[in-house]
PDB file of N, CA and C in Angstrom:
ATOM      1  N   UNK A   1       6.827 -31.002  -6.623  1.00  0.00           N
ATOM      2  CA  UNK A   1       8.089 -30.395  -6.263  1.00  0.00           C
ATOM      3  C   UNK A   1       8.148 -30.214  -4.748  1.00  0.00           C
ATOM      4  N   UNK A   2       9.240 -30.622  -4.173  1.00  0.00           N
ATOM      5  CA  UNK A   2       9.405 -30.563  -2.725  1.00  0.00           C
ATOM      6  C   UNK A   2      10.111 -29.263  -2.348  1.00  0.00           C
ATOM      7  N   UNK A   3       9.390 -28.347  -1.697  1.00  0.00           N
ATOM      8  CA  UNK A   3       9.928 -27.031  -1.384  1.00  0.00           C
ATOM      9  C   UNK A   3      10.159 -26.785   0.101  1.00  0.00           C
ATOM     10  N   UNK A   4       9.919 -27.777   0.930  1.00  0.00           N
ATOM     11  CA  UNK A   4      10.073 -27.568   2.370  1.00  0.00           C
ATOM     12  C   UNK A   4      11.550 -27.378   2.679  1.00  0.00           C
ATOM     13  N   UNK A   5      11.897 -26.226   3.283  1.00  0.00           N
ATOM     14  CA  UNK A   5      13.301 -25.989   3.635  1.00  0.00           C
ATOM     15  C   UNK A   5      13.812 -27.052   4.599  1.00  0.00           C
ATOM     16  N   UNK A   6      15.100 -27.300   4.546  1.00  0.00           N
ATOM     17  CA  UNK A   6      15.691 -28.355   5.366  1.00  0.00           C
ATOM     18  C   UNK A   6      15.461 -28.132   6.860  1.00  0.00           C
ATOM     19  N   UNK A   7      15.402 -26.884   7.303  1.00  0.00           N
ATOM     20  CA  UNK A   7      15.199 -26.621   8.731  1.00  0.00           C
ATOM     21  C   UNK A   7      13.765 -26.934   9.179  1.00  0.00           C
ATOM     22  N   UNK A   8      12.857 -27.151   8.228  1.00  0.00           N
ATOM     23  CA  UNK A   8      11.470 -27.492   8.559  1.00  0.00           C
ATOM     24  C   UNK A   8      11.086 -28.888   8.079  1.00  0.00           C
ATOM     25  N   UNK A   9      11.996 -29.579   7.446  1.00  0.00           N
ATOM     26  CA  UNK A   9      11.689 -30.876   6.839  1.00  0.00           C
ATOM     27  C   UNK A   9      11.279 -31.938   7.862  1.00  0.00           C
ATOM     28  N   UNK A  10      11.755 -31.836   9.078  1.00  0.00           N
ATOM     29  CA  UNK A  10      11.434 -32.837  10.101  1.00  0.00           C
ATOM     30  C   UNK A  10      10.053 -32.620  10.725  1.00  0.00           C
ATOM     31  N   UNK A  11       9.421 -31.485  10.451  1.00  0.00           N
ATOM     32  CA  UNK A  11       8.101 -31.214  11.015  1.00  0.00           C
ATOM     33  C   UNK A  11       7.050 -32.080  10.332  1.00  0.00           C
ATOM     34  N   UNK A  12       6.101 -32.518  11.110  1.00  0.00           N
ATOM     35  CA  UNK A  12       5.020 -33.345  10.593  1.00  0.00           C
ATOM     36  C   UNK A  12       4.037 -32.462   9.819  1.00  0.00           C
ATOM     37  N   UNK A  13       3.610 -32.927   8.672  1.00  0.00           N
ATOM     38  CA  UNK A  13       2.595 -32.225   7.886  1.00  0.00           C
ATOM     39  C   UNK A  13       1.406 -33.138   7.666  1.00  0.00           C
ATOM     40  N   UNK A  14       0.262 -32.545   7.470  1.00  0.00           N
ATOM     41  CA  UNK A  14      -0.957 -33.294   7.180  1.00  0.00           C
ATOM     42  C   UNK A  14      -1.112 -33.439   5.666  1.00  0.00           C
ATOM     43  N   UNK A  15      -1.004 -32.328   4.966  1.00  0.00           N
ATOM     44  CA  UNK A  15      -1.135 -32.308   3.505  1.00  0.00           C
ATOM     45  C   UNK A  15       0.155 -31.746   2.918  1.00  0.00           C
ATOM     46  N   UNK A  16       1.152 -32.594   2.815  1.00  0.00           N
ATOM     47  CA  UNK A  16       2.477 -32.171   2.371  1.00  0.00           C
ATOM     48  C   UNK A  16       2.496 -31.455   1.037  1.00  0.00           C
ATOM     49  N   UNK A  17       1.686 -31.925   0.087  1.00  0.00           N
ATOM     50  CA  UNK A  17       1.658 -31.268  -1.221  1.00  0.00           C
ATOM     51  C   UNK A  17       1.117 -29.848  -1.113  1.00  0.00           C
ATOM     52  N   UNK A  18       0.154 -29.631  -0.220  1.00  0.00           N
ATOM     53  CA  UNK A  18      -0.383 -28.279  -0.018  1.00  0.00           C
ATOM     54  C   UNK A  18       0.619 -27.386   0.697  1.00  0.00           C
ATOM     55  N   UNK A  19       1.408 -27.979   1.566  1.00  0.00           N
ATOM     56  CA  UNK A  19       2.461 -27.213   2.234  1.00  0.00           C
ATOM     57  C   UNK A  19       3.436 -26.684   1.192  1.00  0.00           C
ATOM     58  N   UNK A  20       3.825 -27.524   0.255  1.00  0.00           N
ATOM     59  CA  UNK A  20       4.727 -27.102  -0.823  1.00  0.00           C
ATOM     60  C   UNK A  20       4.080 -26.018  -1.677  1.00  0.00           C
ATOM     61  N   UNK A  21       2.793 -26.175  -1.971  1.00  0.00           N
ATOM     62  CA  UNK A  21       2.079 -25.154  -2.733  1.00  0.00           C
ATOM     63  C   UNK A  21       2.027 -23.832  -1.961  1.00  0.00           C
ATOM     64  N   UNK A  22       1.828 -23.928  -0.650  1.00  0.00           N
ATOM     65  CA  UNK A  22       1.779 -22.719   0.183  1.00  0.00           C
ATOM     66  C   UNK A  22       3.138 -22.026   0.211  1.00  0.00           C
ATOM     67  N   UNK A  23       4.200 -22.796   0.313  1.00  0.00           N
ATOM     68  CA  UNK A  23       5.549 -22.224   0.304  1.00  0.00           C
ATOM     69  C   UNK A  23       5.813 -21.521  -1.023  1.00  0.00           C
ATOM     70  N   UNK A  24       5.397 -22.144  -2.120  1.00  0.00           N
ATOM     71  CA  UNK A  24       5.564 -21.526  -3.442  1.00  0.00           C
ATOM     72  C   UNK A  24       4.744 -20.243  -3.547  1.00  0.00           C
ATOM     73  N   UNK A  25       3.538 -20.245  -2.991  1.00  0.00           N
ATOM     74  CA  UNK A  25       2.681 -19.062  -3.042  1.00  0.00           C
ATOM     75  C   UNK A  25       3.262 -17.903  -2.235  1.00  0.00           C
ATOM     76  N   UNK A  26       3.870 -18.223  -1.106  1.00  0.00           N
ATOM     77  CA  UNK A  26       4.482 -17.187  -0.268  1.00  0.00           C
ATOM     78  C   UNK A  26       5.665 -16.566  -0.988  1.00  0.00           C
ATOM     79  N   UNK A  27       6.475 -17.376  -1.603  1.00  0.00           N
ATOM     80  CA  UNK A  27       7.603 -16.862  -2.388  1.00  0.00           C
ATOM     81  C   UNK A  27       8.703 -16.261  -1.532  1.00  0.00           C
ATOM     82  N   UNK A  28       9.383 -15.308  -2.125  1.00  0.00           N
ATOM     83  CA  UNK A  28      10.539 -14.654  -1.516  1.00  0.00           C
ATOM     84  C   UNK A  28      10.139 -13.847  -0.278  1.00  0.00           C
ATOM     85  N   UNK A  29      10.858 -14.017   0.802  1.00  0.00           N
ATOM     86  CA  UNK A  29      10.564 -13.309   2.047  1.00  0.00           C
ATOM     87  C   UNK A  29      10.700 -11.799   1.878  1.00  0.00           C
ATOM     88  N   UNK A  30      11.625 -11.357   1.057  1.00  0.00           N
ATOM     89  CA  UNK A  30      11.799  -9.927   0.807  1.00  0.00           C
ATOM     90  C   UNK A  30      10.585  -9.326   0.122  1.00  0.00           C
ATOM     91  N   UNK A  31      10.003 -10.081  -0.794  1.00  0.00           N
ATOM     92  CA  UNK A  31       8.797  -9.624  -1.485  1.00  0.00           C
ATOM     93  C   UNK A  31       7.634  -9.521  -0.498  1.00  0.00           C
ATOM     94  N   UNK A  32       7.502 -10.492   0.373  1.00  0.00           N
ATOM     95  CA  UNK A  32       6.448 -10.482   1.388  1.00  0.00           C
ATOM     96  C   UNK A  32       6.638  -9.285   2.314  1.00  0.00           C
ATOM     97  N   UNK A  33       7.860  -9.029   2.726  1.00  0.00           N
ATOM     98  CA  UNK A  33       8.168  -7.901   3.604  1.00  0.00           C
ATOM     99  C   UNK A  33       7.816  -6.575   2.922  1.00  0.00           C
ATOM    100  N   UNK A  34       8.131  -6.465   1.634  1.00  0.00           N
ATOM    101  CA  UNK A  34       7.824  -5.251   0.880  1.00  0.00           C
ATOM    102  C   UNK A  34       6.319  -4.988   0.844  1.00  0.00           C
ATOM    103  N   UNK A  35       5.541  -6.039   0.599  1.00  0.00           N
ATOM    104  CA  UNK A  35       4.089  -5.869   0.583  1.00  0.00           C
ATOM    105  C   UNK A  35       3.557  -5.546   1.974  1.00  0.00           C
ATOM    106  N   UNK A  36       4.124  -6.148   3.005  1.00  0.00           N
ATOM    107  CA  UNK A  36       3.690  -5.859   4.374  1.00  0.00           C
ATOM    108  C   UNK A  36       3.925  -4.385   4.700  1.00  0.00           C
ATOM    109  N   UNK A  37       5.045  -3.851   4.250  1.00  0.00           N
ATOM    110  CA  UNK A  37       5.332  -2.429   4.468  1.00  0.00           C
ATOM    111  C   UNK A  37       4.335  -1.547   3.721  1.00  0.00           C
ATOM    112  N   UNK A  38       3.958  -1.946   2.518  1.00  0.00           N
ATOM    113  CA  UNK A  38       2.946  -1.185   1.774  1.00  0.00           C
ATOM    114  C   UNK A  38       1.611  -1.212   2.503  1.00  0.00           C
ATOM    115  N   UNK A  39       1.218  -2.394   2.966  1.00  0.00           N
ATOM    116  CA  UNK A  39      -0.048  -2.485   3.680  1.00  0.00           C
ATOM    117  C   UNK A  39      -0.001  -1.704   4.989  1.00  0.00           C
ATOM    118  N   UNK A  40       1.156  -1.627   5.621  1.00  0.00           N
ATOM    119  CA  UNK A  40       1.285  -0.825   6.840  1.00  0.00           C
ATOM    120  C   UNK A  40       1.002   0.641   6.536  1.00  0.00           C
ATOM    121  N   UNK A  41       1.419   1.099   5.359  1.00  0.00           N
ATOM    122  CA  UNK A  41       1.122   2.478   4.975  1.00  0.00           C
ATOM    123  C   UNK A  41      -0.380   2.686   4.775  1.00  0.00           C
ATOM    124  N   UNK A  42      -1.077   1.651   4.350  1.00  0.00           N
ATOM    125  CA  UNK A  42      -2.523   1.738   4.156  1.00  0.00           C
ATOM    126  C   UNK A  42      -3.295   1.615   5.470  1.00  0.00           C
ATOM    127  N   UNK A  43      -2.649   1.125   6.508  1.00  0.00           N
ATOM    128  CA  UNK A  43      -3.327   0.822   7.765  1.00  0.00           C
ATOM    129  C   UNK A  43      -3.733   2.065   8.552  1.00  0.00           C
ATOM    130  N   UNK A  44      -3.159   3.212   8.234  1.00  0.00           N
ATOM    131  CA  UNK A  44      -3.499   4.449   8.928  1.00  0.00           C
ATOM    132  C   UNK A  44      -4.679   5.112   8.213  1.00  0.00           C
ATOM    133  N   UNK A  45      -5.757   5.448   8.926  1.00  0.00           N
ATOM    134  CA  UNK A  45      -6.927   6.043   8.272  1.00  0.00           C
ATOM    135  C   UNK A  45      -6.624   7.344   7.526  1.00  0.00           C
ATOM    136  N   UNK A  46      -5.750   8.168   8.072  1.00  0.00           N
ATOM    137  CA  UNK A  46      -5.399   9.420   7.396  1.00  0.00           C
ATOM    138  C   UNK A  46      -4.676   9.176   6.090  1.00  0.00           C
ATOM    139  N   UNK A  47      -3.686   8.297   6.120  1.00  0.00           N
ATOM    140  CA  UNK A  47      -2.946   7.991   4.891  1.00  0.00           C
ATOM    141  C   UNK A  47      -3.854   7.319   3.866  1.00  0.00           C
ATOM    142  N   UNK A  48      -4.716   6.428   4.335  1.00  0.00           N
ATOM    143  CA  UNK A  48      -5.642   5.764   3.421  1.00  0.00           C
ATOM    144  C   UNK A  48      -6.586   6.785   2.790  1.00  0.00           C
ATOM    145  N   UNK A  49      -7.077   7.731   3.577  1.00  0.00           N
ATOM    146  CA  UNK A  49      -7.955   8.775   3.042  1.00  0.00           C
ATOM    147  C   UNK A  49      -7.227   9.594   1.978  1.00  0.00           C
ATOM    148  N   UNK A  50      -5.972   9.924   2.223  1.00  0.00           N
ATOM    149  CA  UNK A  50      -5.189  10.671   1.234  1.00  0.00           C
ATOM    150  C   UNK A  50      -5.054   9.879  -0.058  1.00  0.00           C
ATOM    151  N   UNK A  51      -4.740   8.598   0.067  1.00  0.00           N
ATOM    152  CA  UNK A  51      -4.579   7.759  -1.119  1.00  0.00           C
ATOM    153  C   UNK A  51      -5.888   7.616  -1.890  1.00  0.00           C
ATOM    154  N   UNK A  52      -6.987   7.483  -1.172  1.00  0.00           N
ATOM    155  CA  UNK A  52      -8.287   7.393  -1.840  1.00  0.00           C
ATOM    156  C   UNK A  52      -8.595   8.677  -2.598  1.00  0.00           C
ATOM    157  N   UNK A  53      -8.329   9.811  -1.968  1.00  0.00           N
ATOM    158  CA  UNK A  53      -8.570  11.098  -2.620  1.00  0.00           C
ATOM    159  C   UNK A  53      -7.711  11.236  -3.867  1.00  0.00           C
ATOM    160  N   UNK A  54      -6.435  10.908  -3.761  1.00  0.00           N
ATOM    161  CA  UNK A  54      -5.538  11.024  -4.910  1.00  0.00           C
ATOM    162  C   UNK A  54      -5.911  10.038  -6.005  1.00  0.00           C
ATOM    163  N   UNK A  55      -6.338   8.851  -5.617  1.00  0.00           N
ATOM    164  CA  UNK A  55      -6.728   7.851  -6.605  1.00  0.00           C
ATOM    165  C   UNK A  55      -7.945   8.314  -7.406  1.00  0.00           C
ATOM    166  N   UNK A  56      -8.901   8.906  -6.722  1.00  0.00           N
ATOM    167  CA  UNK A  56     -10.146   9.316  -7.379  1.00  0.00           C
ATOM    168  C   UNK A  56     -10.018  10.615  -8.161  1.00  0.00           C
ATOM    169  N   UNK A  57      -9.190  11.551  -7.678  1.00  0.00           N
ATOM    170  CA  UNK A  57      -9.185  12.891  -8.277  1.00  0.00           C
ATOM    171  C   UNK A  57      -7.944  13.214  -9.079  1.00  0.00           C
ATOM    172  N   UNK A  58      -6.863  12.509  -8.827  1.00  0.00           N
ATOM    173  CA  UNK A  58      -5.601  12.885  -9.452  1.00  0.00           C
ATOM    174  C   UNK A  58      -4.855  13.866  -8.562  1.00  0.00           C
ATOM    175  N   UNK A  59      -3.872  14.569  -9.121  1.00  0.00           N
ATOM    176  CA  UNK A  59      -2.993  15.416  -8.315  1.00  0.00           C
ATOM    177  C   UNK A  59      -3.725  16.491  -7.518  1.00  0.00           C
ATOM    178  N   UNK A  60      -3.340  16.603  -6.238  1.00  0.00           N
ATOM    179  CA  UNK A  60      -3.876  17.633  -5.339  1.00  0.00           C
ATOM    180  C   UNK A  60      -2.761  18.195  -4.469  1.00  0.00           C
ATOM    181  N   UNK A  61      -2.904  19.460  -4.104  1.00  0.00           N
ATOM    182  CA  UNK A  61      -1.967  20.132  -3.210  1.00  0.00           C
ATOM    183  C   UNK A  61      -2.278  19.783  -1.759  1.00  0.00           C
ATOM    184  N   UNK A  62      -1.318  20.008  -0.881  1.00  0.00           N
ATOM    185  CA  UNK A  62      -1.461  19.697   0.548  1.00  0.00           C
ATOM    186  C   UNK A  62      -2.695  20.364   1.134  1.00  0.00           C
ATOM    187  N   UNK A  63      -2.883  21.650   0.875  1.00  0.00           N
ATOM    188  CA  UNK A  63      -4.024  22.367   1.464  1.00  0.00           C
ATOM    189  C   UNK A  63      -5.354  21.797   0.969  1.00  0.00           C
ATOM    190  N   UNK A  64      -5.418  21.413  -0.299  1.00  0.00           N
ATOM    191  CA  UNK A  64      -6.642  20.804  -0.823  1.00  0.00           C
ATOM    192  C   UNK A  64      -6.886  19.435  -0.206  1.00  0.00           C
ATOM    193  N   UNK A  65      -5.822  18.667  -0.033  1.00  0.00           N
ATOM    194  CA  UNK A  65      -5.951  17.362   0.620  1.00  0.00           C
ATOM    195  C   UNK A  65      -6.393  17.522   2.068  1.00  0.00           C
ATOM    196  N   UNK A  66      -5.912  18.567   2.736  1.00  0.00           N
ATOM    197  CA  UNK A  66      -6.312  18.811   4.128  1.00  0.00           C
ATOM    198  C   UNK A  66      -7.811  19.078   4.212  1.00  0.00           C
ATOM    199  N   UNK A  67      -8.323  19.898   3.298  1.00  0.00           N
ATOM    200  CA  UNK A  67      -9.756  20.187   3.287  1.00  0.00           C
ATOM    201  C   UNK A  67     -10.553  18.917   2.972  1.00  0.00           C
ATOM    202  N   UNK A  68     -10.102  18.169   1.979  1.00  0.00           N
ATOM    203  CA  UNK A  68     -10.825  16.964   1.550  1.00  0.00           C
ATOM    204  C   UNK A  68     -10.880  15.906   2.640  1.00  0.00           C
ATOM    205  N   UNK A  69      -9.803  15.753   3.402  1.00  0.00           N
ATOM    206  CA  UNK A  69      -9.726  14.687   4.402  1.00  0.00           C
ATOM    207  C   UNK A  69     -10.108  15.133   5.811  1.00  0.00           C
ATOM    208  N   UNK A  70     -10.181  16.443   6.030  1.00  0.00           N
ATOM    209  CA  UNK A  70     -10.450  16.944   7.376  1.00  0.00           C
ATOM    210  C   UNK A  70      -9.216  16.931   8.268  1.00  0.00           C
ATOM    211  N   UNK A  71      -8.065  16.734   7.670  1.00  0.00           N
ATOM    212  CA  UNK A  71      -6.799  16.730   8.413  1.00  0.00           C
ATOM    213  C   UNK A  71      -6.204  18.135   8.402  1.00  0.00           C
ATOM    214  N   UNK A  72      -5.255  18.373   9.273  1.00  0.00           N
ATOM    215  CA  UNK A  72      -4.525  19.640   9.276  1.00  0.00           C
ATOM    216  C   UNK A  72      -3.359  19.542   8.296  1.00  0.00           C
ATOM    217  N   UNK A  73      -2.961  20.692   7.754  1.00  0.00           N
ATOM    218  CA  UNK A  73      -1.872  20.726   6.777  1.00  0.00           C
ATOM    219  C   UNK A  73      -0.612  19.996   7.254  1.00  0.00           C
ATOM    220  N   UNK A  74      -0.143  20.237   8.507  1.00  0.00           N
ATOM    221  CA  UNK A  74       1.074  19.526   8.937  1.00  0.00           C
ATOM    222  C   UNK A  74       0.898  18.001   8.971  1.00  0.00           C
ATOM    223  N   UNK A  75      -0.287  17.533   9.338  1.00  0.00           N
ATOM    224  CA  UNK A  75      -0.540  16.086   9.368  1.00  0.00           C
ATOM    225  C   UNK A  75      -0.548  15.525   7.944  1.00  0.00           C
ATOM    226  N   UNK A  76      -1.115  16.270   7.006  1.00  0.00           N
ATOM    227  CA  UNK A  76      -1.122  15.846   5.604  1.00  0.00           C
ATOM    228  C   UNK A  76       0.308  15.776   5.092  1.00  0.00           C
ATOM    229  N   UNK A  77       1.106  16.812   5.389  1.00  0.00           N
ATOM    230  CA  UNK A  77       2.500  16.834   4.936  1.00  0.00           C
ATOM    231  C   UNK A  77       3.286  15.656   5.495  1.00  0.00           C
ATOM    232  N   UNK A  78       3.086  15.355   6.768  1.00  0.00           N
ATOM    233  CA  UNK A  78       3.783  14.231   7.398  1.00  0.00           C
ATOM    234  C   UNK A  78       3.359  12.910   6.762  1.00  0.00           C
ATOM    235  N   UNK A  79       2.076  12.740   6.536  1.00  0.00           N
ATOM    236  CA  UNK A  79       1.588  11.511   5.920  1.00  0.00           C
ATOM    237  C   UNK A  79       2.121  11.377   4.496  1.00  0.00           C
ATOM    238  N   UNK A  80       2.145  12.470   3.754  1.00  0.00           N
ATOM    239  CA  UNK A  80       2.657  12.441   2.385  1.00  0.00           C
ATOM    240  C   UNK A  80       4.151  12.123   2.364  1.00  0.00           C
ATOM    241  N   UNK A  81       4.879  12.596   3.380  1.00  0.00           N
ATOM    242  CA  UNK A  81       6.302  12.287   3.471  1.00  0.00           C
ATOM    243  C   UNK A  81       6.497  10.778   3.577  1.00  0.00           C
ATOM    244  N   UNK A  82       5.687  10.122   4.406  1.00  0.00           N
ATOM    245  CA  UNK A  82       5.780   8.666   4.554  1.00  0.00           C
ATOM    246  C   UNK A  82       5.362   7.945   3.276  1.00  0.00           C
ATOM    247  N   UNK A  83       4.299   8.424   2.655  1.00  0.00           N
ATOM    248  CA  UNK A  83       3.833   7.811   1.415  1.00  0.00           C
ATOM    249  C   UNK A  83       4.835   8.007   0.282  1.00  0.00           C
ATOM    250  N   UNK A  84       5.489   9.159   0.267  1.00  0.00           N
ATOM    251  CA  UNK A  84       6.529   9.418  -0.730  1.00  0.00           C
ATOM    252  C   UNK A  84       7.728   8.518  -0.489  1.00  0.00           C
ATOM    253  N   UNK A  85       8.142   8.387   0.770  1.00  0.00           N
ATOM    254  CA  UNK A  85       9.272   7.513   1.116  1.00  0.00           C
ATOM    255  C   UNK A  85       8.977   6.060   0.756  1.00  0.00           C
ATOM    256  N   UNK A  86       7.711   5.657   0.853  1.00  0.00           N
ATOM    257  CA  UNK A  86       7.304   4.300   0.498  1.00  0.00           C
ATOM    258  C   UNK A  86       7.105   4.101  -0.992  1.00  0.00           C
ATOM    259  N   UNK A  87       7.261   5.166  -1.768  1.00  0.00           N
ATOM    260  CA  UNK A  87       7.126   5.069  -3.217  1.00  0.00           C
ATOM    261  C   UNK A  87       5.695   5.024  -3.715  1.00  0.00           C
ATOM    262  N   UNK A  88       4.733   5.386  -2.875  1.00  0.00           N
ATOM    263  CA  UNK A  88       3.332   5.337  -3.280  1.00  0.00           C
ATOM    264  C   UNK A  88       2.870   6.611  -3.982  1.00  0.00           C
ATOM    265  N   UNK A  89       3.444   7.752  -3.588  1.00  0.00           N
ATOM    266  CA  UNK A  89       3.057   9.030  -4.196  1.00  0.00           C
ATOM    267  C   UNK A  89       4.314   9.804  -4.601  1.00  0.00           C
ATOM    268  N   UNK A  90       4.098  10.751  -5.500  1.00  0.00           N
ATOM    269  CA  UNK A  90       5.156  11.687  -5.905  1.00  0.00           C
ATOM    270  C   UNK A  90       4.554  13.073  -5.966  1.00  0.00           C
ATOM    271  N   UNK A  91       5.405  14.068  -5.727  1.00  0.00           N
ATOM    272  CA  UNK A  91       4.981  15.453  -5.839  1.00  0.00           C
ATOM    273  C   UNK A  91       5.438  16.038  -7.159  1.00  0.00           C
ATOM    274  N   UNK A  92       4.579  16.880  -7.744  1.00  0.00           N
ATOM    275  CA  UNK A  92       4.908  17.579  -8.983  1.00  0.00           C
ATOM    276  C   UNK A  92       4.840  19.072  -8.692  1.00  0.00           C
ATOM    277  N   UNK A  93       5.952  19.755  -8.852  1.00  0.00           N
ATOM    278  CA  UNK A  93       6.009  21.183  -8.563  1.00  0.00           C
ATOM    279  C   UNK A  93       5.461  21.974  -9.745  1.00  0.00           C
ATOM    280  N   UNK A  94       4.598  22.946  -9.419  1.00  0.00           N
ATOM    281  CA  UNK A  94       4.050  23.883 -10.389  1.00  0.00           C
ATOM    282  C   UNK A  94       4.216  25.273  -9.779  1.00  0.00           C
ATOM    283  N   UNK A  95       5.391  25.870 -10.029  1.00  0.00           N
ATOM    284  CA  UNK A  95       5.709  27.130  -9.367  1.00  0.00           C
ATOM    285  C   UNK A  95       5.912  26.888  -7.887  1.00  0.00           C
ATOM    286  N   UNK A  96       5.120  27.564  -7.063  1.00  0.00           N
ATOM    287  CA  UNK A  96       5.242  27.400  -5.603  1.00  0.00           C
ATOM    288  C   UNK A  96       4.357  26.273  -5.073  1.00  0.00           C
ATOM    289  N   UNK A  97       3.544  25.705  -5.920  1.00  0.00           N
ATOM    290  CA  UNK A  97       2.595  24.668  -5.492  1.00  0.00           C
ATOM    291  C   UNK A  97       3.129  23.290  -5.854  1.00  0.00           C
ATOM    292  N   UNK A  98       3.001  22.371  -4.906  1.00  0.00           N
ATOM    293  CA  UNK A  98       3.337  20.976  -5.170  1.00  0.00           C
ATOM    294  C   UNK A  98       2.045  20.185  -5.101  1.00  0.00           C
ATOM    295  N   UNK A  99       1.765  19.491  -6.194  1.00  0.00           N
ATOM    296  CA  UNK A  99       0.595  18.620  -6.240  1.00  0.00           C
ATOM    297  C   UNK A  99       1.080  17.177  -6.179  1.00  0.00           C
ATOM    298  N   UNK A 100       0.425  16.396  -5.336  1.00  0.00           N
ATOM    299  CA  UNK A 100       0.808  15.006  -5.134  1.00  0.00           C
ATOM    300  C   UNK A 100      -0.119  14.101  -5.930  1.00  0.00           C
ATOM    301  N   UNK A 101       0.465  13.007  -6.415  1.00  0.00           N
ATOM    302  CA  UNK A 101      -0.320  12.030  -7.172  1.00  0.00           C
ATOM    303  C   UNK A 101       0.110  10.625  -6.778  1.00  0.00           C
ATOM    304  N   UNK A 102      -0.808   9.698  -6.920  1.00  0.00           N
ATOM    305  CA  UNK A 102      -0.551   8.286  -6.660  1.00  0.00           C
ATOM    306  C   UNK A 102       0.251   7.718  -7.821  1.00  0.00           C
ATOM    307  N   UNK A 103       1.382   7.077  -7.544  1.00  0.00           N
ATOM    308  CA  UNK A 103       2.223   6.527  -8.609  1.00  0.00           C
ATOM    309  C   UNK A 103       2.379   5.016  -8.530  1.00  0.00           C
ATOM    310  N   UNK A 104       1.998   4.407  -7.436  1.00  0.00           N
ATOM    311  CA  UNK A 104       2.120   2.960  -7.280  1.00  0.00           C
ATOM    312  C   UNK A 104       0.843   2.307  -7.811  1.00  0.00           C
ATOM    313  N   UNK A 105       0.933   1.768  -9.009  1.00  0.00           N
ATOM    314  CA  UNK A 105      -0.263   1.213  -9.653  1.00  0.00           C
ATOM    315  C   UNK A 105      -0.772  -0.052  -8.969  1.00  0.00           C
ATOM    316  N   UNK A 106       0.100  -0.785  -8.289  1.00  0.00           N
ATOM    317  CA  UNK A 106      -0.386  -1.961  -7.562  1.00  0.00           C
ATOM    318  C   UNK A 106      -1.249  -1.530  -6.381  1.00  0.00           C
ATOM    319  N   UNK A 107      -0.904  -0.418  -5.736  1.00  0.00           N
ATOM    320  CA  UNK A 107      -1.733   0.116  -4.651  1.00  0.00           C
ATOM    321  C   UNK A 107      -3.023   0.691  -5.222  1.00  0.00           C
ATOM    322  N   UNK A 108      -2.940   1.300  -6.405  1.00  0.00           N
ATOM    323  CA  UNK A 108      -4.157   1.805  -7.055  1.00  0.00           C
ATOM    324  C   UNK A 108      -5.137   0.664  -7.293  1.00  0.00           C
ATOM    325  N   UNK A 109      -4.625  -0.490  -7.705  1.00  0.00           N
ATOM    326  CA  UNK A 109      -5.491  -1.653  -7.916  1.00  0.00           C
ATOM    327  C   UNK A 109      -6.093  -2.140  -6.602  1.00  0.00           C
ATOM    328  N   UNK A 110      -5.291  -2.139  -5.540  1.00  0.00           N
ATOM    329  CA  UNK A 110      -5.812  -2.535  -4.223  1.00  0.00           C
ATOM    330  C   UNK A 110      -6.942  -1.592  -3.815  1.00  0.00           C
ATOM    331  N   UNK A 111      -6.730  -0.294  -4.006  1.00  0.00           N
ATOM    332  CA  UNK A 111      -7.763   0.681  -3.657  1.00  0.00           C
ATOM    333  C   UNK A 111      -9.020   0.456  -4.505  1.00  0.00           C
ATOM    334  N   UNK A 112      -8.829   0.225  -5.773  1.00  0.00           N
ATOM    335  CA  UNK A 112      -9.956   0.042  -6.688  1.00  0.00           C
ATOM    336  C   UNK A 112     -10.765  -1.197  -6.335  1.00  0.00           C
ATOM    337  N   UNK A 113     -10.104  -2.307  -6.118  1.00  0.00           N
ATOM    338  CA  UNK A 113     -10.807  -3.566  -5.883  1.00  0.00           C
ATOM    339  C   UNK A 113     -11.165  -3.793  -4.427  1.00  0.00           C
ATOM    340  N   UNK A 114     -10.367  -3.245  -3.535  1.00  0.00           N
ATOM    341  CA  UNK A 114     -10.601  -3.472  -2.114  1.00  0.00           C
ATOM    342  C   UNK A 114     -11.501  -2.422  -1.502  1.00  0.00           C
ATOM    343  N   UNK A 115     -10.942  -1.271  -1.278  1.00  0.00           N
ATOM    344  CA  UNK A 115     -11.646  -0.223  -0.546  1.00  0.00           C
ATOM    345  C   UNK A 115     -12.818   0.329  -1.342  1.00  0.00           C
ATOM    346  N   UNK A 116     -12.590   0.670  -2.600  1.00  0.00           N
ATOM    347  CA  UNK A 116     -13.671   1.248  -3.396  1.00  0.00           C
ATOM    348  C   UNK A 116     -14.742   0.215  -3.711  1.00  0.00           C
ATOM    349  N   UNK A 117     -14.337  -1.040  -3.908  1.00  0.00           N
ATOM    350  CA  UNK A 117     -15.311  -2.106  -4.132  1.00  0.00           C
ATOM    351  C   UNK A 117     -16.169  -2.353  -2.905  1.00  0.00           C
ATOM    352  N   UNK A 118     -15.563  -2.208  -1.724  1.00  0.00           N
ATOM    353  CA  UNK A 118     -16.288  -2.382  -0.468  1.00  0.00           C
ATOM    354  C   UNK A 118     -17.347  -1.289  -0.307  1.00  0.00           C
ATOM    355  N   UNK A 119     -16.994  -0.083  -0.730  1.00  0.00           N
ATOM    356  CA  UNK A 119     -17.921   1.049  -0.623  1.00  0.00           C
ATOM    357  C   UNK A 119     -19.181   0.810  -1.457  1.00  0.00           C
ATOM    358  N   UNK A 120     -19.027   0.150  -2.611  1.00  0.00           N
ATOM    359  CA  UNK A 120     -20.156  -0.081  -3.508  1.00  0.00           C
ATOM    360  C   UNK A 120     -21.052  -1.224  -3.040  1.00  0.00           C
ATOM    361  N   UNK A 121     -20.525  -2.078  -2.190  1.00  0.00           N
ATOM    362  CA  UNK A 121     -21.292  -3.255  -1.738  1.00  0.00           C
ATOM    363  C   UNK A 121     -22.404  -2.897  -0.775  1.00  0.00           C
TER     364      UNK A 121
END
C-alpha cells in the first residue's frame, strides 16, 4: 500500500516499502500529538514522582504526596492541577480531604513497564 502523501511523493527514498510502513506506524498526527503531551507531563521529575507514588499506593492526599515526594504542598497541588487537566489523575473528595488517584491506564502501563521495570534491572 502506497501511503506517501502527495507533498512528499517527489522525495527520494531508499526503502520505499519501509517508508510506507513507517507512515502507517506513525498514524494520525493528532494521536501522536496527544501522546507527546502525555509524555511531556511525565518529563518533569516532580510529576513523575507523584504518578509513581499514586500508581504504587493508590489514592493519596496532597499533604501525603508532599511528604512522600519531598515536595512542598503548593508544588504538589500545581503538579496535580496539570496532571488532572491532562486526564492522568482525578481527585476523590472525602469530606474535607481530596485524595488523588491515577486514572489513565495507558500511563499506568508505561509506568509499570518503563520506569518500574527500569528500577528492577
